[in-house]
Amino acid sequence: MTTQTRAARLGQILLLGLGAGLGSSLLCLLIGAVLAGGVTRAGAATALGWGGLLLTFLAGAIIYSQNGQSQIESGMRARLGEGYRAPGLPWAQILTALIGAGVLFLGQFVLNT
């Protein structure tokens, strides 16, 4: 097993976020084109904005879920008399969703200018 440097891990998260953003943008544009019957500049910007909002909400849902899970685990272990240190947030998944949302919002900004 090889160790991974912090810079390599951050680079990997950045690439995954960019991939998530580009993939989501294609999906949003496709859905927008199907619903509107074609692609316009304003329609594409609106679709990218909605996609960015969905990825931002996904990051929030990950945080909310992790906090709820750690509270449940903590309560269950407290009943057994065990100590429990909750794990940290899954930052890789959160940052991937937020970077993807940033790509979508950047695309929306470019289309609106």
N, C-alpha and C. Protein backbone atom coordinates (compact mmCIF):
# COMPACT_ATOMS: atom_id res chain seq x y z
N MET A 1 0.85 -1.18 0.00
CA MET A 1 0.00 0.00 0.00
C MET A 1 0.90 1.23 0.00
N THR A 2 0.63 2.15 -0.91
CA THR A 2 1.42 3.38 -0.98
C THR A 2 0.69 4.50 -0.26
N THR A 3 1.46 5.39 0.31
CA THR A 3 0.86 6.54 0.96
C THR A 3 0.63 7.64 -0.07
N GLN A 4 -0.37 8.43 0.19
CA GLN A 4 -0.73 9.50 -0.72
C GLN A 4 -0.47 10.83 -0.03
N THR A 5 0.18 11.74 -0.72
CA THR A 5 0.46 13.03 -0.12
C THR A 5 -0.82 13.86 -0.09
N ARG A 6 -0.79 14.87 0.74
CA ARG A 6 -1.95 15.75 0.86
C ARG A 6 -2.24 16.47 -0.45
N ALA A 7 -1.19 16.90 -1.13
CA ALA A 7 -1.37 17.60 -2.41
C ALA A 7 -1.98 16.67 -3.46
N ALA A 8 -1.54 15.41 -3.47
CA ALA A 8 -2.10 14.45 -4.42
C ALA A 8 -3.57 14.19 -4.12
N ARG A 9 -3.91 14.09 -2.84
CA ARG A 9 -5.31 13.86 -2.47
C ARG A 9 -6.18 15.06 -2.84
N LEU A 10 -5.68 16.28 -2.60
CA LEU A 10 -6.43 17.47 -2.98
C LEU A 10 -6.60 17.56 -4.50
N GLY A 11 -5.55 17.19 -5.22
CA GLY A 11 -5.65 17.16 -6.68
C GLY A 11 -6.68 16.16 -7.15
N GLN A 12 -6.74 15.01 -6.49
CA GLN A 12 -7.71 13.99 -6.84
C GLN A 12 -9.13 14.49 -6.56
N ILE A 13 -9.33 15.14 -5.43
CA ILE A 13 -10.65 15.69 -5.09
C ILE A 13 -11.04 16.76 -6.10
N LEU A 14 -10.08 17.59 -6.49
CA LEU A 14 -10.37 18.63 -7.48
C LEU A 14 -10.77 18.02 -8.82
N LEU A 15 -10.06 17.00 -9.26
CA LEU A 15 -10.41 16.35 -10.52
C LEU A 15 -11.78 15.67 -10.45
N LEU A 16 -12.07 15.03 -9.32
CA LEU A 16 -13.39 14.41 -9.16
C LEU A 16 -14.49 15.46 -9.15
N GLY A 17 -14.23 16.60 -8.50
CA GLY A 17 -15.21 17.68 -8.49
C GLY A 17 -15.45 18.26 -9.87
N LEU A 18 -14.36 18.45 -10.62
CA LEU A 18 -14.51 18.94 -11.99
C LEU A 18 -15.28 17.94 -12.85
N GLY A 19 -14.98 16.67 -12.69
CA GLY A 19 -15.71 15.64 -13.43
C GLY A 19 -17.18 15.61 -13.05
N ALA A 20 -17.47 15.76 -11.76
CA ALA A 20 -18.86 15.79 -11.31
C ALA A 20 -19.58 17.01 -11.87
N GLY A 21 -18.88 18.13 -11.90
CA GLY A 21 -19.49 19.35 -12.45
C GLY A 21 -19.75 19.25 -13.93
N LEU A 22 -18.78 18.73 -14.68
CA LEU A 22 -18.97 18.60 -16.12
C LEU A 22 -20.04 17.57 -16.46
N GLY A 23 -20.02 16.46 -15.76
CA GLY A 23 -21.05 15.44 -15.99
C GLY A 23 -22.44 15.95 -15.63
N SER A 24 -22.54 16.66 -14.51
CA SER A 24 -23.83 17.21 -14.10
C SER A 24 -24.30 18.29 -15.06
N SER A 25 -23.36 19.07 -15.58
CA SER A 25 -23.76 20.13 -16.52
C SER A 25 -24.32 19.52 -17.80
N LEU A 26 -23.70 18.46 -18.28
CA LEU A 26 -24.24 17.79 -19.47
C LEU A 26 -25.63 17.23 -19.20
N LEU A 27 -25.81 16.63 -18.05
CA LEU A 27 -27.10 16.08 -17.69
C LEU A 27 -28.15 17.18 -17.56
N CYS A 28 -27.79 18.28 -16.90
CA CYS A 28 -28.73 19.40 -16.74
C CYS A 28 -29.10 20.01 -18.08
N LEU A 29 -28.11 20.17 -18.96
CA LEU A 29 -28.39 20.73 -20.29
C LEU A 29 -29.29 19.80 -21.09
N LEU A 30 -29.06 18.50 -20.98
CA LEU A 30 -29.90 17.53 -21.68
C LEU A 30 -31.33 17.58 -21.17
N ILE A 31 -31.50 17.60 -19.87
CA ILE A 31 -32.84 17.66 -19.29
C ILE A 31 -33.52 18.97 -19.67
N GLY A 32 -32.78 20.09 -19.61
CA GLY A 32 -33.34 21.38 -20.00
C GLY A 32 -33.74 21.41 -21.46
N ALA A 33 -32.94 20.79 -22.32
CA ALA A 33 -33.27 20.76 -23.74
C ALA A 33 -34.52 19.92 -24.00
N VAL A 34 -34.65 18.81 -23.29
CA VAL A 34 -35.83 17.95 -23.48
C VAL A 34 -37.08 18.66 -22.98
N LEU A 35 -36.99 19.32 -21.83
CA LEU A 35 -38.17 19.99 -21.27
C LEU A 35 -38.57 21.23 -22.07
N ALA A 36 -37.59 21.96 -22.58
CA ALA A 36 -37.89 23.20 -23.30
C ALA A 36 -38.04 22.99 -24.80
N GLY A 37 -37.70 21.82 -25.29
CA GLY A 37 -37.81 21.56 -26.71
C GLY A 37 -36.63 22.10 -27.51
N GLY A 38 -35.58 22.47 -26.86
CA GLY A 38 -34.38 22.98 -27.53
C GLY A 38 -33.48 23.67 -26.54
N VAL A 39 -32.30 24.03 -26.99
CA VAL A 39 -31.34 24.69 -26.10
C VAL A 39 -31.20 26.15 -26.52
N THR A 40 -31.46 27.03 -25.58
CA THR A 40 -31.18 28.45 -25.76
C THR A 40 -30.16 28.86 -24.71
N ARG A 41 -29.58 30.01 -24.92
CA ARG A 41 -28.58 30.50 -23.96
C ARG A 41 -29.19 30.70 -22.57
N ALA A 42 -30.35 31.31 -22.53
CA ALA A 42 -31.02 31.55 -21.24
C ALA A 42 -31.47 30.24 -20.60
N GLY A 43 -31.96 29.31 -21.42
CA GLY A 43 -32.38 28.02 -20.89
C GLY A 43 -31.22 27.22 -20.34
N ALA A 44 -30.09 27.29 -21.04
CA ALA A 44 -28.90 26.59 -20.56
C ALA A 44 -28.41 27.19 -19.24
N ALA A 45 -28.45 28.52 -19.13
CA ALA A 45 -28.01 29.17 -17.89
C ALA A 45 -28.93 28.78 -16.74
N THR A 46 -30.22 28.72 -17.00
CA THR A 46 -31.18 28.33 -15.96
C THR A 46 -30.94 26.87 -15.54
N ALA A 47 -30.71 26.00 -16.50
CA ALA A 47 -30.46 24.58 -16.19
C ALA A 47 -29.19 24.42 -15.36
N LEU A 48 -28.15 25.17 -15.70
CA LEU A 48 -26.91 25.08 -14.93
C LEU A 48 -27.10 25.62 -13.52
N GLY A 49 -27.90 26.67 -13.38
CA GLY A 49 -28.18 27.20 -12.05
C GLY A 49 -28.91 26.19 -11.16
N TRP A 50 -29.90 25.51 -11.73
CA TRP A 50 -30.62 24.49 -10.97
C TRP A 50 -29.71 23.33 -10.61
N GLY A 51 -28.86 22.94 -11.55
CA GLY A 51 -27.91 21.86 -11.26
C GLY A 51 -26.95 22.23 -10.15
N GLY A 52 -26.47 23.47 -10.16
CA GLY A 52 -25.59 23.94 -9.09
C GLY A 52 -26.28 23.94 -7.74
N LEU A 53 -27.54 24.35 -7.73
CA LEU A 53 -28.30 24.31 -6.48
C LEU A 53 -28.46 22.88 -5.98
N LEU A 54 -28.73 21.96 -6.88
CA LEU A 54 -28.89 20.56 -6.47
C LEU A 54 -27.60 19.99 -5.88
N LEU A 55 -26.46 20.31 -6.49
CA LEU A 55 -25.19 19.81 -5.94
C LEU A 55 -24.87 20.47 -4.60
N THR A 56 -25.25 21.74 -4.43
CA THR A 56 -25.03 22.41 -3.15
C THR A 56 -25.90 21.76 -2.07
N PHE A 57 -27.15 21.48 -2.41
CA PHE A 57 -28.02 20.79 -1.46
C PHE A 57 -27.52 19.39 -1.16
N LEU A 58 -26.92 18.73 -2.13
CA LEU A 58 -26.34 17.41 -1.90
C LEU A 58 -25.22 17.48 -0.85
N ALA A 59 -24.37 18.50 -0.95
CA ALA A 59 -23.30 18.67 0.05
C ALA A 59 -23.91 18.89 1.44
N GLY A 60 -24.96 19.69 1.51
CA GLY A 60 -25.63 19.91 2.79
C GLY A 60 -26.28 18.65 3.33
N ALA A 61 -26.85 17.84 2.44
CA ALA A 61 -27.47 16.59 2.87
C ALA A 61 -26.43 15.60 3.40
N ILE A 62 -25.25 15.61 2.81
CA ILE A 62 -24.17 14.75 3.30
C ILE A 62 -23.79 15.15 4.72
N ILE A 63 -23.66 16.44 4.96
CA ILE A 63 -23.30 16.95 6.29
C ILE A 63 -24.41 16.61 7.29
N TYR A 64 -25.65 16.87 6.91
CA TYR A 64 -26.78 16.60 7.80
C TYR A 64 -26.87 15.12 8.15
N SER A 65 -26.70 14.27 7.16
CA SER A 65 -26.77 12.83 7.37
C SER A 65 -25.65 12.35 8.29
N GLN A 66 -24.44 12.85 8.07
CA GLN A 66 -23.31 12.43 8.90
C GLN A 66 -23.50 12.86 10.35
N ASN A 67 -24.01 14.07 10.56
CA ASN A 67 -24.25 14.53 11.93
C ASN A 67 -25.33 13.71 12.60
N GLY A 68 -26.39 13.40 11.89
CA GLY A 68 -27.45 12.57 12.46
C GLY A 68 -26.97 11.18 12.79
N GLN A 69 -26.17 10.60 11.91
CA GLN A 69 -25.65 9.25 12.14
C GLN A 69 -24.74 9.22 13.37
N SER A 70 -23.90 10.24 13.53
CA SER A 70 -23.00 10.25 14.68
C SER A 70 -23.77 10.44 15.99
N GLN A 71 -24.87 11.20 15.96
CA GLN A 71 -25.68 11.36 17.16
C GLN A 71 -26.36 10.05 17.54
N ILE A 72 -26.84 9.33 16.55
CA ILE A 72 -27.49 8.04 16.82
C ILE A 72 -26.48 7.06 17.40
N GLU A 73 -25.31 6.98 16.78
CA GLU A 73 -24.27 6.06 17.26
C GLU A 73 -23.81 6.43 18.66
N SER A 74 -23.68 7.72 18.91
CA SER A 74 -23.26 8.18 20.23
C SER A 74 -24.29 7.81 21.29
N GLY A 75 -25.58 8.00 20.97
CA GLY A 75 -26.63 7.65 21.92
C GLY A 75 -26.70 6.16 22.20
N MET A 76 -26.53 5.35 21.16
CA MET A 76 -26.56 3.90 21.35
C MET A 76 -25.40 3.43 22.21
N ARG A 77 -24.23 3.97 21.97
CA ARG A 77 -23.07 3.55 22.77
C ARG A 77 -23.14 4.08 24.20
N ALA A 78 -23.77 5.25 24.38
CA ALA A 78 -23.90 5.79 25.74
C ALA A 78 -24.79 4.89 26.59
N ARG A 79 -25.80 4.29 25.98
CA ARG A 79 -26.66 3.37 26.72
C ARG A 79 -25.91 2.12 27.15
N LEU A 80 -24.90 1.77 26.38
CA LEU A 80 -24.09 0.60 26.73
C LEU A 80 -22.94 0.96 27.67
N GLY A 81 -22.79 2.24 27.98
CA GLY A 81 -21.72 2.67 28.86
C GLY A 81 -20.39 2.81 28.16
N GLU A 82 -20.40 2.89 26.87
CA GLU A 82 -19.15 3.03 26.11
C GLU A 82 -18.95 4.48 25.70
N GLY A 83 -17.71 4.86 25.65
CA GLY A 83 -17.38 6.17 25.10
C GLY A 83 -17.32 6.08 23.60
N TYR A 84 -17.59 7.18 22.93
CA TYR A 84 -17.59 7.17 21.47
C TYR A 84 -17.15 8.53 20.96
N ARG A 85 -16.17 8.49 20.11
CA ARG A 85 -15.73 9.72 19.45
C ARG A 85 -16.23 9.65 18.01
N ALA A 86 -17.09 10.59 17.68
CA ALA A 86 -17.71 10.59 16.35
C ALA A 86 -16.65 10.85 15.28
N PRO A 87 -16.77 10.16 14.16
CA PRO A 87 -15.82 10.42 13.07
C PRO A 87 -16.07 11.81 12.48
N GLY A 88 -15.07 12.32 11.81
CA GLY A 88 -15.21 13.63 11.18
C GLY A 88 -16.11 13.57 9.97
N LEU A 89 -16.32 14.73 9.42
CA LEU A 89 -17.15 14.81 8.22
C LEU A 89 -16.42 14.23 7.02
N PRO A 90 -17.15 13.67 6.07
CA PRO A 90 -16.52 13.13 4.85
C PRO A 90 -16.18 14.27 3.89
N TRP A 91 -15.08 14.94 4.15
CA TRP A 91 -14.74 16.15 3.40
C TRP A 91 -14.52 15.89 1.92
N ALA A 92 -14.05 14.73 1.56
CA ALA A 92 -13.83 14.45 0.14
C ALA A 92 -15.15 14.51 -0.63
N GLN A 93 -16.19 13.91 -0.11
CA GLN A 93 -17.48 13.91 -0.78
C GLN A 93 -18.10 15.30 -0.77
N ILE A 94 -17.97 16.00 0.33
CA ILE A 94 -18.53 17.35 0.44
C ILE A 94 -17.85 18.29 -0.55
N LEU A 95 -16.52 18.26 -0.57
CA LEU A 95 -15.79 19.14 -1.47
C LEU A 95 -16.02 18.78 -2.94
N THR A 96 -16.17 17.50 -3.23
CA THR A 96 -16.46 17.09 -4.60
C THR A 96 -17.78 17.69 -5.07
N ALA A 97 -18.81 17.61 -4.23
CA ALA A 97 -20.11 18.19 -4.59
C ALA A 97 -20.03 19.71 -4.72
N LEU A 98 -19.30 20.36 -3.82
CA LEU A 98 -19.21 21.82 -3.87
C LEU A 98 -18.39 22.31 -5.06
N ILE A 99 -17.33 21.59 -5.40
CA ILE A 99 -16.54 21.96 -6.58
C ILE A 99 -17.38 21.77 -7.84
N GLY A 100 -18.13 20.68 -7.90
CA GLY A 100 -19.03 20.47 -9.02
C GLY A 100 -20.07 21.57 -9.13
N ALA A 101 -20.62 22.00 -8.00
CA ALA A 101 -21.58 23.10 -8.00
C ALA A 101 -20.92 24.38 -8.48
N GLY A 102 -19.68 24.59 -8.07
CA GLY A 102 -18.95 25.78 -8.53
C GLY A 102 -18.76 25.80 -10.03
N VAL A 103 -18.50 24.63 -10.61
CA VAL A 103 -18.36 24.53 -12.07
C VAL A 103 -19.68 24.91 -12.75
N LEU A 104 -20.78 24.41 -12.21
CA LEU A 104 -22.09 24.73 -12.79
C LEU A 104 -22.41 26.22 -12.65
N PHE A 105 -22.14 26.79 -11.48
CA PHE A 105 -22.41 28.22 -11.29
C PHE A 105 -21.50 29.07 -12.18
N LEU A 106 -20.28 28.63 -12.37
CA LEU A 106 -19.38 29.35 -13.27
C LEU A 106 -19.90 29.31 -14.71
N GLY A 107 -20.40 28.16 -15.13
CA GLY A 107 -21.01 28.06 -16.45
C GLY A 107 -22.22 28.94 -16.59
N GLN A 108 -23.03 29.01 -15.54
CA GLN A 108 -24.19 29.89 -15.56
C GLN A 108 -23.76 31.34 -15.66
N PHE A 109 -22.74 31.72 -14.92
CA PHE A 109 -22.26 33.10 -14.96
C PHE A 109 -21.75 33.46 -16.35
N VAL A 110 -21.00 32.55 -16.96
CA VAL A 110 -20.47 32.80 -18.30
C VAL A 110 -21.60 32.96 -19.31
N LEU A 111 -22.63 32.12 -19.21
CA LEU A 111 -23.74 32.21 -20.14
C LEU A 111 -24.59 33.47 -19.93
N ASN A 112 -24.63 33.98 -18.71
CA ASN A 112 -25.42 35.19 -18.42
C ASN A 112 -24.69 36.47 -18.77
N THR A 113 -23.38 36.42 -19.02
CA THR A 113 -22.67 37.65 -19.34
C THR A 113 -22.52 37.84 -20.83
